[in-house]
Protein backbone atom coordinates (compact mmCIF):
# COMPACT_ATOMS: atom_id res chain seq x y z
CA MET A 1 9.14 -12.80 5.10
CA PRO A 2 5.58 -13.98 4.33
CA ILE A 3 2.92 -13.35 6.96
CA PRO A 4 -0.68 -14.62 7.12
CA PHE A 5 -3.40 -12.42 5.63
CA THR A 6 -7.13 -12.87 6.22
CA LEU A 7 -9.23 -10.61 4.00
CA ASP A 8 -12.69 -12.10 4.43
CA PHE A 9 -15.33 -9.36 4.40
CA MET A 10 -18.17 -7.66 2.58
CA LEU A 11 -18.32 -3.90 2.01
CA ARG A 12 -21.22 -2.01 0.47
CA GLN A 13 -20.90 1.54 -0.92
CA GLY A 14 -24.09 2.75 -2.59
CA ASP A 15 -24.77 0.41 -5.50
CA PHE A 16 -21.29 -1.14 -5.31
CA THR A 17 -20.66 -4.32 -3.31
CA LEU A 18 -17.20 -5.71 -2.62
CA GLU A 19 -16.85 -9.31 -1.45
CA VAL A 20 -13.47 -10.77 -0.56
CA ARG A 21 -12.88 -14.21 0.94
CA GLU A 22 -9.12 -14.72 0.92
CA ARG A 23 -6.61 -16.34 3.26
CA PHE A 24 -2.96 -16.67 2.25
CA GLU A 25 0.62 -16.00 3.35
CA ALA A 26 2.65 -13.37 1.54
CA GLY A 27 5.18 -10.57 1.89
CA VAL A 28 3.92 -8.36 -0.95
CA VAL A 29 0.28 -8.67 -2.03
CA VAL A 30 -0.74 -6.93 -5.25
CA LEU A 31 -4.39 -6.04 -5.82
CA PHE A 32 -4.76 -6.04 -9.58
CA GLY A 33 -7.57 -5.23 -11.98
CA PRO A 34 -9.41 -2.46 -13.82
CA SER A 35 -10.60 0.83 -12.33
CA GLY A 36 -13.69 0.38 -10.20
CA ALA A 37 -12.91 -3.23 -9.33
CA GLY A 38 -12.61 -2.53 -5.58
CA LYS A 39 -8.84 -2.35 -5.10
CA THR A 40 -8.75 0.98 -3.26
CA SER A 41 -11.77 -0.05 -1.17
CA ILE A 42 -9.76 -3.02 0.13
CA LEU A 43 -6.88 -0.72 1.11
CA GLU A 44 -9.24 1.70 2.83
CA SER A 45 -10.90 -1.16 4.69
CA ILE A 46 -7.50 -2.38 5.93
CA ALA A 47 -6.62 1.18 6.97
CA GLY A 48 -9.92 1.61 8.82
CA LEU A 49 -11.17 4.37 6.52
CA ARG A 50 -14.15 2.23 5.46
CA THR A 51 -16.12 -0.16 7.65
CA PRO A 52 -17.24 -3.50 6.18
CA ARG A 53 -20.78 -4.75 6.77
CA ARG A 54 -19.38 -8.00 8.08
CA GLY A 55 -16.30 -10.19 8.12
CA VAL A 56 -12.70 -10.30 9.32
CA ILE A 57 -9.54 -8.41 8.43
CA ARG A 58 -6.41 -9.86 10.00
CA ILE A 59 -2.78 -9.21 9.06
CA GLY A 60 -0.15 -11.24 10.81
CA ALA A 61 -1.18 -11.64 14.44
CA SER A 62 -3.26 -8.44 14.45
CA THR A 63 -7.03 -8.54 14.06
CA LEU A 64 -8.04 -5.15 12.66
CA PHE A 65 -11.73 -5.91 12.13
CA ASP A 66 -14.01 -8.74 13.22
CA SER A 67 -17.73 -8.08 13.05
CA GLU A 68 -18.72 -11.11 15.14
CA ALA A 69 -16.24 -10.28 17.90
CA ALA A 70 -17.13 -6.54 17.75
CA VAL A 71 -13.53 -5.61 16.92
CA ASP A 72 -12.94 -2.45 14.89
CA VAL A 73 -9.52 -1.01 15.67
CA PRO A 74 -9.43 2.80 15.15
CA PRO A 75 -7.37 3.91 12.12
CA ASN A 76 -4.72 5.61 14.26
CA ARG A 77 -4.07 2.35 16.15
CA ARG A 78 -3.85 -0.01 13.18
CA ARG A 79 -0.12 0.56 12.53
CA VAL A 80 -0.54 0.91 8.80
CA GLY A 81 1.46 3.19 6.54
CA TYR A 82 -0.81 4.46 3.76
CA VAL A 83 0.45 6.15 0.59
CA PRO A 84 -2.61 7.32 -1.40
CA GLN A 85 -2.63 8.00 -5.12
CA ASP A 86 -2.30 11.77 -4.69
CA GLN A 87 0.59 11.40 -2.17
CA ALA A 88 -1.04 14.06 0.10
CA LEU A 89 2.22 15.94 0.66
CA PHE A 90 2.08 19.38 2.31
CA PRO A 91 3.31 22.10 -0.08
CA HIS A 92 4.00 24.57 2.76
CA LEU A 93 6.46 22.18 4.44
CA ASN A 94 9.89 21.22 3.15
CA VAL A 95 10.90 17.63 2.52
CA ARG A 96 12.28 17.03 6.01
CA ARG A 97 9.14 18.34 7.72
CA ASN A 98 6.90 16.34 5.39
CA ILE A 99 8.78 13.17 6.27
CA LEU A 100 8.59 13.90 9.99
CA TYR A 101 4.95 15.03 9.92
CA GLY A 102 2.83 13.20 12.44
CA VAL A 103 5.72 11.40 14.16
CA SER A 104 5.38 12.10 17.87
CA SER A 105 8.34 12.92 20.05
CA GLY A 106 10.17 9.70 20.77
CA GLY A 107 7.92 7.76 18.39
CA GLY A 108 8.55 6.20 15.01
CA GLN A 109 12.12 5.69 13.94
CA ALA A 110 15.17 7.84 13.23
CA ILE A 111 14.99 9.71 9.96
CA GLU A 112 18.51 8.82 8.78
CA PRO A 113 17.94 5.12 7.90
CA VAL A 114 14.77 5.92 5.93
CA VAL A 115 16.37 8.86 4.14
CA GLY A 116 19.39 6.74 3.31
CA LEU A 117 17.30 3.83 2.06
CA LEU A 118 15.34 6.10 -0.30
CA GLU A 119 18.30 8.37 -1.18
CA LEU A 120 16.63 11.60 -0.10
CA GLY A 121 19.50 13.21 1.81
CA ALA A 122 20.26 15.75 -0.92
CA VAL A 123 16.69 17.11 -1.03
CA LEU A 124 15.74 17.33 2.68
CA ASP A 125 15.72 21.14 2.71
CA ARG A 126 13.92 21.59 -0.63
CA SER A 127 10.30 22.60 -1.03
CA ILE A 128 7.87 20.01 -2.32
CA GLY A 129 7.30 22.16 -5.43
CA ALA A 130 10.99 21.86 -6.34
CA LEU A 131 10.91 18.05 -6.50
CA SER A 132 10.54 15.74 -9.47
CA GLY A 133 7.66 13.29 -9.59
CA GLY A 134 9.92 10.45 -8.54
CA GLU A 135 11.30 12.44 -5.61
CA ARG A 136 7.81 13.32 -4.40
CA GLN A 137 6.87 9.65 -4.52
CA ARG A 138 9.89 8.74 -2.41
CA VAL A 139 9.04 11.48 0.10
CA ALA A 140 5.50 10.09 0.47
CA LEU A 141 6.95 6.62 0.97
CA ALA A 142 9.46 7.90 3.55
CA ARG A 143 6.71 9.64 5.53
CA ALA A 144 4.71 6.40 5.68
CA LEU A 145 7.76 4.44 6.82
CA MET A 146 8.62 6.89 9.61
CA ALA A 147 5.71 5.61 11.70
CA SER A 148 7.26 2.10 11.71
CA PRO A 149 4.10 0.51 10.32
CA ALA A 150 3.31 -3.19 10.57
CA VAL A 151 2.11 -3.13 6.95
CA LEU A 152 2.53 -0.63 4.09
CA LEU A 153 -0.46 0.18 1.86
CA LEU A 154 0.38 1.63 -1.57
CA ASP A 155 -2.41 2.83 -3.87
CA GLU A 156 -1.08 2.87 -7.45
CA PRO A 157 2.09 4.72 -6.39
CA LEU A 158 3.58 4.80 -9.89
CA THR A 159 0.50 5.61 -11.99
CA ALA A 160 1.34 9.30 -12.48
CA LEU A 161 4.94 8.59 -13.50
CA ASP A 162 6.26 7.95 -16.99
CA SER A 163 7.93 4.63 -17.80
CA ALA A 164 11.44 5.96 -17.18
CA LEU A 165 10.53 7.22 -13.70
CA ARG A 166 8.68 4.00 -12.90
CA SER A 167 11.79 1.99 -13.67
CA ARG A 168 13.78 4.18 -11.27
CA ILE A 169 11.23 3.99 -8.42
CA LEU A 170 10.61 0.24 -8.48
CA PRO A 171 14.07 -0.59 -7.08
CA TYR A 172 13.32 1.62 -4.04
CA LEU A 173 10.15 -0.36 -3.38
CA GLU A 174 12.17 -3.53 -3.76
CA ARG A 175 14.63 -2.24 -1.15
CA VAL A 176 11.78 -1.52 1.28
CA ARG A 177 10.51 -5.05 0.72
CA ASP A 178 13.89 -6.74 1.10
CA GLU A 179 15.89 -4.56 3.53
CA LEU A 180 13.06 -3.64 5.90
CA ALA A 181 11.13 -6.91 5.42
CA MET A 182 8.06 -4.68 5.26
CA PRO A 183 4.78 -6.42 4.32
CA MET A 184 2.96 -4.51 1.58
CA VAL A 185 -0.45 -4.41 -0.02
CA TYR A 186 0.06 -2.76 -3.38
CA VAL A 187 -2.60 -1.62 -5.88
CA SER A 188 -1.61 -1.70 -9.54
CA HIS A 189 -2.94 -1.81 -13.10
CA ASP A 190 0.47 -2.76 -14.47
CA ALA A 191 1.43 -6.40 -15.03
CA ALA A 192 5.14 -5.49 -15.10
CA GLU A 193 4.90 -4.09 -11.55
CA VAL A 194 3.13 -7.26 -10.46
CA ARG A 195 5.89 -9.47 -11.82
CA TYR A 196 8.59 -7.25 -10.27
CA LEU A 197 7.27 -7.02 -6.71
CA ALA A 198 4.53 -9.48 -5.87
CA ASP A 199 4.62 -12.89 -4.30
CA TRP A 200 0.80 -13.05 -4.16
CA VAL A 201 -1.74 -11.47 -6.50
CA VAL A 202 -5.45 -10.91 -5.98
CA VAL A 203 -7.18 -10.14 -9.30
CA LEU A 204 -10.47 -8.25 -8.96
CA GLU A 205 -13.30 -7.41 -11.32
CA LYS A 206 -16.54 -5.60 -10.38
CA GLY A 207 -16.07 -6.13 -6.64
CA CYS A 208 -15.27 -9.84 -6.87
CA VAL A 209 -12.05 -11.83 -6.71
CA VAL A 210 -11.58 -13.69 -10.01
CA ARG A 211 -8.13 -15.11 -9.25
CA SER A 212 -5.90 -15.32 -6.19
CA ALA A 213 -2.56 -17.07 -6.50
CA ALA A 214 1.21 -16.82 -6.45
CA GLU A 215 2.52 -14.27 -8.97
CA LEU A 216 3.86 -16.76 -11.48
CA ASP A 217 0.39 -18.27 -11.89
CA VAL A 218 -1.43 -15.09 -12.94
CA PRO A 219 0.42 -12.78 -15.39
CA ALA A 220 -1.73 -13.75 -18.39
CA VAL A 221 -4.93 -13.16 -16.38
CA GLY A 222 -3.55 -9.83 -15.17
CA ARG A 223 -2.79 -8.59 -18.68
CA SER A 224 -6.24 -9.50 -19.96
CA SER A 225 -7.82 -7.65 -17.02
CA ARG A 226 -6.00 -4.39 -17.68
CA PRO A 227 -8.36 -1.68 -19.00
């Protein structure tokens, strides 16, 4: 179900300046564009890992950052599930313990629905090193979902996978979108992923938004922006 997004802020990192002034309603937002455009910086600003110079970040009814109102919710209270590019799985823990990592006693949700949704039941006792790339990606996604986040942030989750693995992982992301009704902000370079998942696309170049529209309006722009 679409929810309101307000991403209206300015972030400066050294010589790089990111300016976003977007308000829209969406279920899955894809941030699209070449490397260095500012896509990951937007995710990290939503997650509270970077602090904008000014502006507002609001997702649904939750204001995460508002410089004028002196609101800057700490990262651990923002209820975001963040899956970074490198997955950040713990090699010394098995799959089950990776999925449960960081979930406090009585917090989050039961492991069984998430494991069933992502079809991980057969690998729960395996080491991370024994998993395929697609299985590791699903474990990282499961760990993020276990905290019952209000929004899921995915930073190029399929970039390291070959085309065959990508085609097998995309349906799992679709199930998260449809069965859990989980809002997502999804970073991608791939126009096919955009068309598969998104209902709103923000196209970035050099720290600026060059197009922001419903998915069907932007595939040609997206392809031309791909490095």
